[in-house]
Amino acid sequence: EKATIEYNPNVTSLEDIANTIQKTGYGVLTEKVDLDVMGMTCAACSNKIEKVLNRISGVNKATVNLTTESATVEYNPDMTSVDEFQQRIKNLGYEAQPKKEASEKSSQKEKQLKRQLIKLVVSAVLAAPLLMTMFVHLFGIQIPHIFMNPWFQFV
């Protein structure tokens, strides 16, 4: 069964309408989606995302968990969509996508760790000559003149 309701948002809210429908013995169509949210670094980030999601028309309840980097949104699919949630989160500077299975998520984490390891090794190799000249100067040992050339250090 389906009902169409016209209402004045200044007088009543969607929650009031949903409560009234439930009191009469009927249910309100809602869906629940779990999103992976990347880029959150603090509680302020998660609070900001949660507030924006809860302000979207058609969202009954949105909760964001910083620790698990996820958001759970209960919403009316006739009024809003997962794409809108993703776009609003993207506008805040974060990335969101529907939750993946554990195996996909772990492989994604492994790829991220591998990229970070490569960056660490490259930066260590590039920093080694500069660190070597610094430590040699610290102990007063003579080093080849090429290491003191600014162009060599720049490269």
N, C-alpha and C. Protein backbone atom coordinates (compact mmCIF):
# COMPACT_ATOMS: atom_id res chain seq x y z
N GLU A 1 0.84 -1.18 0.00
CA GLU A 1 0.00 0.00 0.00
C GLU A 1 0.88 1.24 0.00
N LYS A 2 0.36 2.27 -0.61
CA LYS A 2 1.14 3.49 -0.73
C LYS A 2 0.21 4.68 -0.51
N ALA A 3 0.70 5.67 0.20
CA ALA A 3 -0.07 6.89 0.44
C ALA A 3 0.77 8.09 0.08
N THR A 4 0.12 9.10 -0.46
CA THR A 4 0.79 10.36 -0.77
C THR A 4 0.27 11.41 0.20
N ILE A 5 1.18 12.11 0.84
CA ILE A 5 0.81 13.10 1.85
C ILE A 5 1.39 14.44 1.46
N GLU A 6 0.56 15.45 1.48
CA GLU A 6 1.03 16.82 1.31
C GLU A 6 1.00 17.48 2.69
N TYR A 7 2.08 18.16 3.04
CA TYR A 7 2.14 18.78 4.36
C TYR A 7 2.93 20.07 4.31
N ASN A 8 2.77 20.86 5.35
CA ASN A 8 3.49 22.12 5.49
C ASN A 8 4.67 21.86 6.43
N PRO A 9 5.90 21.94 5.96
CA PRO A 9 7.05 21.65 6.83
C PRO A 9 7.21 22.65 7.97
N ASN A 10 6.54 23.80 7.89
CA ASN A 10 6.60 24.77 8.99
C ASN A 10 5.71 24.34 10.15
N VAL A 11 4.72 23.49 9.87
CA VAL A 11 3.76 23.08 10.89
C VAL A 11 4.11 21.72 11.48
N THR A 12 4.53 20.79 10.64
CA THR A 12 4.84 19.43 11.10
C THR A 12 6.11 18.93 10.42
N SER A 13 6.67 17.87 10.98
CA SER A 13 7.90 17.31 10.42
C SER A 13 7.64 15.91 9.88
N LEU A 14 8.60 15.40 9.13
CA LEU A 14 8.48 14.04 8.61
C LEU A 14 8.44 13.01 9.73
N GLU A 15 9.16 13.29 10.81
CA GLU A 15 9.16 12.36 11.94
C GLU A 15 7.77 12.26 12.56
N ASP A 16 7.08 13.41 12.68
CA ASP A 16 5.72 13.40 13.23
C ASP A 16 4.78 12.59 12.34
N ILE A 17 4.93 12.78 11.04
CA ILE A 17 4.08 12.03 10.10
C ILE A 17 4.38 10.54 10.20
N ALA A 18 5.66 10.18 10.26
CA ALA A 18 6.05 8.77 10.37
C ALA A 18 5.52 8.16 11.66
N ASN A 19 5.61 8.90 12.76
CA ASN A 19 5.10 8.41 14.05
C ASN A 19 3.59 8.18 13.99
N THR A 20 2.87 9.12 13.37
CA THR A 20 1.42 8.99 13.24
C THR A 20 1.05 7.77 12.41
N ILE A 21 1.77 7.56 11.32
CA ILE A 21 1.51 6.39 10.47
C ILE A 21 1.76 5.10 11.24
N GLN A 22 2.82 5.07 12.02
CA GLN A 22 3.14 3.87 12.79
C GLN A 22 2.13 3.63 13.90
N LYS A 23 1.61 4.71 14.50
CA LYS A 23 0.59 4.57 15.55
C LYS A 23 -0.70 3.97 15.00
N THR A 24 -0.98 4.24 13.73
CA THR A 24 -2.21 3.70 13.13
C THR A 24 -2.04 2.24 12.71
N GLY A 25 -0.85 1.71 12.86
CA GLY A 25 -0.63 0.29 12.58
C GLY A 25 0.04 0.00 11.25
N TYR A 26 0.46 1.01 10.57
CA TYR A 26 1.14 0.83 9.29
C TYR A 26 2.62 1.14 9.46
N GLY A 27 3.39 0.78 8.47
CA GLY A 27 4.82 1.04 8.52
C GLY A 27 5.23 2.07 7.49
N VAL A 28 6.37 2.66 7.72
CA VAL A 28 6.94 3.63 6.80
C VAL A 28 8.12 2.96 6.10
N LEU A 29 8.17 3.10 4.79
CA LEU A 29 9.23 2.48 4.01
C LEU A 29 10.57 3.16 4.31
N THR A 30 11.51 2.40 4.83
CA THR A 30 12.85 2.93 5.07
C THR A 30 13.87 1.89 4.63
N GLU A 31 15.03 2.38 4.29
CA GLU A 31 16.16 1.52 3.98
C GLU A 31 17.34 1.95 4.83
N LYS A 32 18.28 1.05 4.96
CA LYS A 32 19.47 1.32 5.76
C LYS A 32 20.69 1.01 4.92
N VAL A 33 21.66 1.92 4.92
CA VAL A 33 22.87 1.71 4.15
C VAL A 33 24.08 1.99 5.04
N ASP A 34 25.11 1.17 4.89
CA ASP A 34 26.37 1.38 5.58
C ASP A 34 27.38 1.88 4.57
N LEU A 35 28.05 2.97 4.91
CA LEU A 35 29.04 3.57 4.02
C LEU A 35 30.41 3.53 4.66
N ASP A 36 31.43 3.27 3.86
CA ASP A 36 32.82 3.44 4.30
C ASP A 36 33.19 4.89 4.01
N VAL A 37 33.65 5.61 5.03
CA VAL A 37 34.02 7.02 4.86
C VAL A 37 35.52 7.13 5.07
N MET A 38 36.23 7.60 4.03
CA MET A 38 37.68 7.74 4.11
C MET A 38 38.06 9.21 4.28
N GLY A 39 39.10 9.45 5.06
CA GLY A 39 39.63 10.79 5.20
C GLY A 39 39.32 11.45 6.53
N MET A 40 38.54 10.79 7.38
CA MET A 40 38.23 11.38 8.69
C MET A 40 39.45 11.23 9.60
N THR A 41 39.79 12.30 10.31
CA THR A 41 40.96 12.26 11.19
C THR A 41 40.64 12.58 12.64
N CYS A 42 39.46 13.14 12.90
CA CYS A 42 39.14 13.55 14.28
C CYS A 42 37.64 13.49 14.51
N ALA A 43 37.24 13.70 15.76
CA ALA A 43 35.82 13.66 16.11
C ALA A 43 35.04 14.78 15.44
N ALA A 44 35.69 15.91 15.22
CA ALA A 44 35.02 17.02 14.55
C ALA A 44 34.63 16.63 13.12
N CYS A 45 35.47 15.86 12.47
CA CYS A 45 35.17 15.39 11.10
C CYS A 45 33.91 14.54 11.11
N SER A 46 33.85 13.57 12.01
CA SER A 46 32.69 12.68 12.05
C SER A 46 31.43 13.43 12.44
N ASN A 47 31.54 14.39 13.37
CA ASN A 47 30.38 15.19 13.76
C ASN A 47 29.86 16.02 12.60
N LYS A 48 30.77 16.59 11.83
CA LYS A 48 30.38 17.42 10.69
C LYS A 48 29.62 16.58 9.66
N ILE A 49 30.14 15.39 9.37
CA ILE A 49 29.49 14.51 8.40
C ILE A 49 28.11 14.08 8.91
N GLU A 50 28.05 13.73 10.19
CA GLU A 50 26.78 13.29 10.77
C GLU A 50 25.73 14.39 10.70
N LYS A 51 26.11 15.62 11.00
CA LYS A 51 25.15 16.74 10.94
C LYS A 51 24.64 16.96 9.52
N VAL A 52 25.55 16.91 8.55
CA VAL A 52 25.14 17.11 7.15
C VAL A 52 24.19 16.01 6.70
N LEU A 53 24.49 14.77 7.05
CA LEU A 53 23.62 13.65 6.65
C LEU A 53 22.25 13.76 7.31
N ASN A 54 22.20 14.14 8.57
CA ASN A 54 20.92 14.25 9.27
C ASN A 54 20.07 15.40 8.75
N ARG A 55 20.67 16.38 8.10
CA ARG A 55 19.92 17.51 7.54
C ARG A 55 19.28 17.20 6.19
N ILE A 56 19.68 16.12 5.56
CA ILE A 56 19.13 15.76 4.25
C ILE A 56 17.68 15.33 4.43
N SER A 57 16.80 15.88 3.61
CA SER A 57 15.39 15.54 3.66
C SER A 57 15.21 14.06 3.31
N GLY A 58 14.51 13.33 4.16
CA GLY A 58 14.30 11.91 3.92
C GLY A 58 15.18 11.02 4.78
N VAL A 59 16.15 11.60 5.47
CA VAL A 59 17.02 10.82 6.35
C VAL A 59 16.37 10.78 7.73
N ASN A 60 16.09 9.56 8.22
CA ASN A 60 15.51 9.41 9.55
C ASN A 60 16.59 9.50 10.62
N LYS A 61 17.72 8.84 10.36
CA LYS A 61 18.79 8.81 11.35
C LYS A 61 20.11 8.50 10.65
N ALA A 62 21.13 9.26 11.00
CA ALA A 62 22.47 9.00 10.47
C ALA A 62 23.45 9.01 11.63
N THR A 63 24.31 8.01 11.67
CA THR A 63 25.36 7.95 12.68
C THR A 63 26.69 7.70 11.98
N VAL A 64 27.72 8.38 12.46
CA VAL A 64 29.06 8.24 11.88
C VAL A 64 30.00 7.77 12.98
N ASN A 65 30.80 6.75 12.68
CA ASN A 65 31.74 6.20 13.63
C ASN A 65 33.16 6.47 13.13
N LEU A 66 33.90 7.27 13.87
CA LEU A 66 35.26 7.63 13.49
C LEU A 66 36.19 6.41 13.53
N THR A 67 36.04 5.59 14.56
CA THR A 67 36.94 4.45 14.76
C THR A 67 36.87 3.45 13.61
N THR A 68 35.66 3.14 13.16
CA THR A 68 35.50 2.17 12.08
C THR A 68 35.47 2.84 10.71
N GLU A 69 35.58 4.16 10.68
CA GLU A 69 35.51 4.95 9.44
C GLU A 69 34.27 4.58 8.64
N SER A 70 33.11 4.61 9.31
CA SER A 70 31.88 4.22 8.63
C SER A 70 30.73 5.12 9.03
N ALA A 71 29.69 5.11 8.21
CA ALA A 71 28.46 5.84 8.49
C ALA A 71 27.29 4.91 8.22
N THR A 72 26.28 4.98 9.08
CA THR A 72 25.06 4.21 8.89
C THR A 72 23.92 5.20 8.74
N VAL A 73 23.18 5.06 7.65
CA VAL A 73 22.10 6.01 7.36
C VAL A 73 20.80 5.24 7.16
N GLU A 74 19.78 5.64 7.91
CA GLU A 74 18.43 5.10 7.74
C GLU A 74 17.63 6.17 7.03
N TYR A 75 17.05 5.84 5.88
CA TYR A 75 16.43 6.87 5.05
C TYR A 75 15.22 6.35 4.29
N ASN A 76 14.46 7.29 3.73
CA ASN A 76 13.33 6.97 2.88
C ASN A 76 13.82 6.98 1.44
N PRO A 77 13.81 5.84 0.75
CA PRO A 77 14.38 5.78 -0.61
C PRO A 77 13.59 6.59 -1.64
N ASP A 78 12.34 6.96 -1.32
CA ASP A 78 11.57 7.79 -2.26
C ASP A 78 11.99 9.25 -2.20
N MET A 79 12.67 9.64 -1.13
CA MET A 79 13.02 11.05 -0.95
C MET A 79 14.49 11.36 -1.20
N THR A 80 15.35 10.38 -1.03
CA THR A 80 16.79 10.61 -1.18
C THR A 80 17.46 9.32 -1.62
N SER A 81 18.76 9.39 -1.87
CA SER A 81 19.46 8.20 -2.37
C SER A 81 20.88 8.14 -1.81
N VAL A 82 21.49 7.00 -1.99
CA VAL A 82 22.88 6.80 -1.56
C VAL A 82 23.81 7.74 -2.32
N ASP A 83 23.50 7.98 -3.59
CA ASP A 83 24.33 8.89 -4.39
C ASP A 83 24.36 10.29 -3.78
N GLU A 84 23.22 10.73 -3.25
CA GLU A 84 23.18 12.05 -2.61
C GLU A 84 24.05 12.07 -1.36
N PHE A 85 24.02 10.98 -0.58
CA PHE A 85 24.87 10.91 0.61
C PHE A 85 26.34 11.01 0.22
N GLN A 86 26.71 10.25 -0.82
CA GLN A 86 28.10 10.26 -1.27
C GLN A 86 28.50 11.65 -1.75
N GLN A 87 27.63 12.33 -2.47
CA GLN A 87 27.94 13.66 -3.00
C GLN A 87 28.09 14.67 -1.86
N ARG A 88 27.20 14.61 -0.88
CA ARG A 88 27.28 15.56 0.25
C ARG A 88 28.57 15.34 1.04
N ILE A 89 28.94 14.08 1.24
CA ILE A 89 30.17 13.77 1.97
C ILE A 89 31.38 14.21 1.15
N LYS A 90 31.32 14.03 -0.15
CA LYS A 90 32.42 14.46 -1.03
C LYS A 90 32.56 15.98 -0.99
N ASN A 91 31.44 16.70 -0.92
CA ASN A 91 31.48 18.17 -0.84
C ASN A 91 32.18 18.64 0.44
N LEU A 92 32.16 17.81 1.47
CA LEU A 92 32.85 18.15 2.72
C LEU A 92 34.34 17.84 2.66
N GLY A 93 34.77 17.13 1.62
CA GLY A 93 36.19 16.82 1.47
C GLY A 93 36.57 15.40 1.85
N TYR A 94 35.58 14.53 1.98
CA TYR A 94 35.83 13.14 2.33
C TYR A 94 35.34 12.26 1.19
N GLU A 95 35.65 10.99 1.27
CA GLU A 95 35.21 10.05 0.25
C GLU A 95 34.36 8.98 0.91
N ALA A 96 33.23 8.65 0.29
CA ALA A 96 32.34 7.63 0.84
C ALA A 96 31.90 6.68 -0.26
N GLN A 97 31.78 5.42 0.12
CA GLN A 97 31.26 4.42 -0.80
C GLN A 97 30.57 3.34 0.02
N PRO A 98 29.59 2.67 -0.58
CA PRO A 98 28.90 1.61 0.16
C PRO A 98 29.90 0.58 0.70
N LYS A 99 29.59 0.08 1.89
CA LYS A 99 30.49 -0.85 2.57
C LYS A 99 30.75 -2.08 1.71
N LYS A 100 31.99 -2.48 1.69
CA LYS A 100 32.40 -3.66 0.93
C LYS A 100 32.52 -4.84 1.88
N GLU A 101 32.66 -6.00 1.31
CA GLU A 101 32.87 -7.19 2.13
C GLU A 101 34.26 -7.12 2.76
N ALA A 102 34.46 -7.90 3.81
CA ALA A 102 35.71 -7.85 4.57
C ALA A 102 36.92 -8.18 3.71
N SER A 103 36.79 -9.12 2.79
CA SER A 103 37.94 -9.52 1.97
C SER A 103 38.36 -8.38 1.04
N GLU A 104 37.38 -7.67 0.47
CA GLU A 104 37.70 -6.54 -0.41
C GLU A 104 38.35 -5.43 0.39
N LYS A 105 37.83 -5.19 1.59
CA LYS A 105 38.37 -4.12 2.42
C LYS A 105 39.80 -4.43 2.86
N SER A 106 40.07 -5.68 3.21
CA SER A 106 41.43 -6.03 3.65
C SER A 106 42.41 -5.93 2.49
N SER A 107 41.99 -6.30 1.29
CA SER A 107 42.90 -6.18 0.15
C SER A 107 43.17 -4.71 -0.17
N GLN A 108 42.17 -3.87 0.03
CA GLN A 108 42.37 -2.43 -0.19
C GLN A 108 43.35 -1.88 0.85
N LYS A 109 43.23 -2.32 2.11
CA LYS A 109 44.16 -1.88 3.16
C LYS A 109 45.58 -2.35 2.85
N GLU A 110 45.72 -3.57 2.34
CA GLU A 110 47.04 -4.09 1.99
C GLU A 110 47.68 -3.26 0.89
N LYS A 111 46.90 -2.87 -0.11
CA LYS A 111 47.42 -2.02 -1.18
C LYS A 111 47.87 -0.68 -0.63
N GLN A 112 47.07 -0.12 0.28
CA GLN A 112 47.42 1.17 0.87
C GLN A 112 48.72 1.05 1.68
N LEU A 113 48.87 -0.01 2.45
CA LEU A 113 50.09 -0.22 3.23
C LEU A 113 51.30 -0.40 2.32
N LYS A 114 51.12 -1.10 1.21
CA LYS A 114 52.22 -1.31 0.27
C LYS A 114 52.66 0.02 -0.34
N ARG A 115 51.71 0.88 -0.71
CA ARG A 115 52.05 2.20 -1.25
C ARG A 115 52.82 3.03 -0.22
N GLN A 116 52.38 2.96 1.03
CA GLN A 116 53.07 3.71 2.08
C GLN A 116 54.48 3.18 2.31
N LEU A 117 54.67 1.87 2.23
CA LEU A 117 56.00 1.29 2.40
C LEU A 117 56.93 1.74 1.27
N ILE A 118 56.43 1.76 0.05
CA ILE A 118 57.23 2.22 -1.09
C ILE A 118 57.64 3.68 -0.89
N LYS A 119 56.71 4.51 -0.45
CA LYS A 119 57.02 5.92 -0.21
C LYS A 119 58.09 6.06 0.89
N LEU A 120 58.00 5.23 1.93
CA LEU A 120 58.98 5.28 3.01
C LEU A 120 60.37 4.91 2.51
N VAL A 121 60.47 3.85 1.72
CA VAL A 121 61.77 3.40 1.21
C VAL A 121 62.38 4.46 0.30
N VAL A 122 61.58 5.01 -0.61
CA VAL A 122 62.08 6.04 -1.53
C VAL A 122 62.57 7.26 -0.76
N SER A 123 61.80 7.70 0.23
CA SER A 123 62.23 8.88 0.99
C SER A 123 63.48 8.59 1.82
N ALA A 124 63.62 7.38 2.34
CA ALA A 124 64.82 7.02 3.11
C ALA A 124 66.05 7.02 2.21
N VAL A 125 65.91 6.48 1.01
CA VAL A 125 67.04 6.44 0.07
C VAL A 125 67.45 7.86 -0.32
N LEU A 126 66.48 8.73 -0.56
CA LEU A 126 66.80 10.11 -0.96
C LEU A 126 67.35 10.94 0.20
N ALA A 127 66.97 10.61 1.42
CA ALA A 127 67.44 11.38 2.57
C ALA A 127 68.79 10.89 3.09
N ALA A 128 69.20 9.68 2.75
CA ALA A 128 70.43 9.10 3.28
C ALA A 128 71.68 9.95 3.01
N PRO A 129 71.91 10.45 1.78
CA PRO A 129 73.12 11.26 1.56
C PRO A 129 73.15 12.53 2.42
N LEU A 130 72.03 13.17 2.58
CA LEU A 130 71.99 14.38 3.41
C LEU A 130 72.26 14.06 4.87
N LEU A 131 71.68 12.98 5.35
CA LEU A 131 71.91 12.58 6.73
C LEU A 131 73.36 12.18 6.95
N MET A 132 73.95 11.50 5.96
CA MET A 132 75.34 11.08 6.08
C MET A 132 76.26 12.30 6.24
N THR A 133 76.06 13.32 5.40
CA THR A 133 76.92 14.51 5.51
C THR A 133 76.71 15.22 6.84
N MET A 134 75.50 15.22 7.35
CA MET A 134 75.23 15.87 8.63
C MET A 134 75.97 15.14 9.76
N PHE A 135 75.88 13.81 9.79
CA PHE A 135 76.53 13.06 10.86
C PHE A 135 78.05 13.12 10.76
N VAL A 136 78.58 13.10 9.54
CA VAL A 136 80.02 13.17 9.37
C VAL A 136 80.54 14.52 9.88
N HIS A 137 79.84 15.60 9.57
CA HIS A 137 80.23 16.91 10.09
C HIS A 137 80.15 16.96 11.61
N LEU A 138 79.22 16.26 12.17
CA LEU A 138 79.03 16.25 13.62
C LEU A 138 80.27 15.69 14.32
N PHE A 139 80.90 14.69 13.72
CA PHE A 139 82.07 14.06 14.32
C PHE A 139 83.40 14.61 13.79
N GLY A 140 83.34 15.60 12.91
CA GLY A 140 84.55 16.25 12.41
C GLY A 140 85.33 15.44 11.41
N ILE A 141 84.74 14.51 10.74
CA ILE A 141 85.41 13.67 9.75
C ILE A 141 85.33 14.35 8.39
N GLN A 142 86.43 14.27 7.61
CA GLN A 142 86.44 14.85 6.26
C GLN A 142 85.63 13.96 5.32
N ILE A 143 84.89 14.60 4.46
CA ILE A 143 84.10 13.86 3.47
C ILE A 143 84.46 14.35 2.08
N PRO A 144 84.18 13.56 1.06
CA PRO A 144 84.46 14.01 -0.31
C PRO A 144 83.72 15.31 -0.60
N HIS A 145 84.40 16.18 -1.34
CA HIS A 145 83.88 17.51 -1.63
C HIS A 145 82.56 17.47 -2.42
N ILE A 146 82.36 16.42 -3.19
CA ILE A 146 81.15 16.33 -4.01
C ILE A 146 79.89 16.35 -3.15
N PHE A 147 79.97 15.78 -1.93
CA PHE A 147 78.80 15.75 -1.05
C PHE A 147 78.43 17.14 -0.54
N MET A 148 79.36 18.08 -0.58
CA MET A 148 79.10 19.44 -0.11
C MET A 148 78.58 20.35 -1.22
N ASN A 149 78.63 19.89 -2.45
CA ASN A 149 78.15 20.68 -3.57
C ASN A 149 76.63 20.85 -3.45
N PRO A 150 76.14 22.10 -3.45
CA PRO A 150 74.69 22.33 -3.31
C PRO A 150 73.87 21.66 -4.41
N TRP A 151 74.43 21.59 -5.62
CA TRP A 151 73.69 20.96 -6.72
C TRP A 151 73.55 19.46 -6.49
N PHE A 152 74.59 18.85 -5.93
CA PHE A 152 74.52 17.43 -5.60
C PHE A 152 73.46 17.19 -4.52
N GLN A 153 73.45 18.07 -3.51
CA GLN A 153 72.47 17.93 -2.44
C GLN A 153 71.05 18.19 -2.95
N PHE A 154 70.94 19.09 -3.90
CA PHE A 154 69.62 19.40 -4.46
C PHE A 154 69.07 18.20 -5.22
N VAL A 155 69.96 17.55 -5.96
CA VAL A 155 69.53 16.40 -6.76
C VAL A 155 69.26 15.25 -5.84
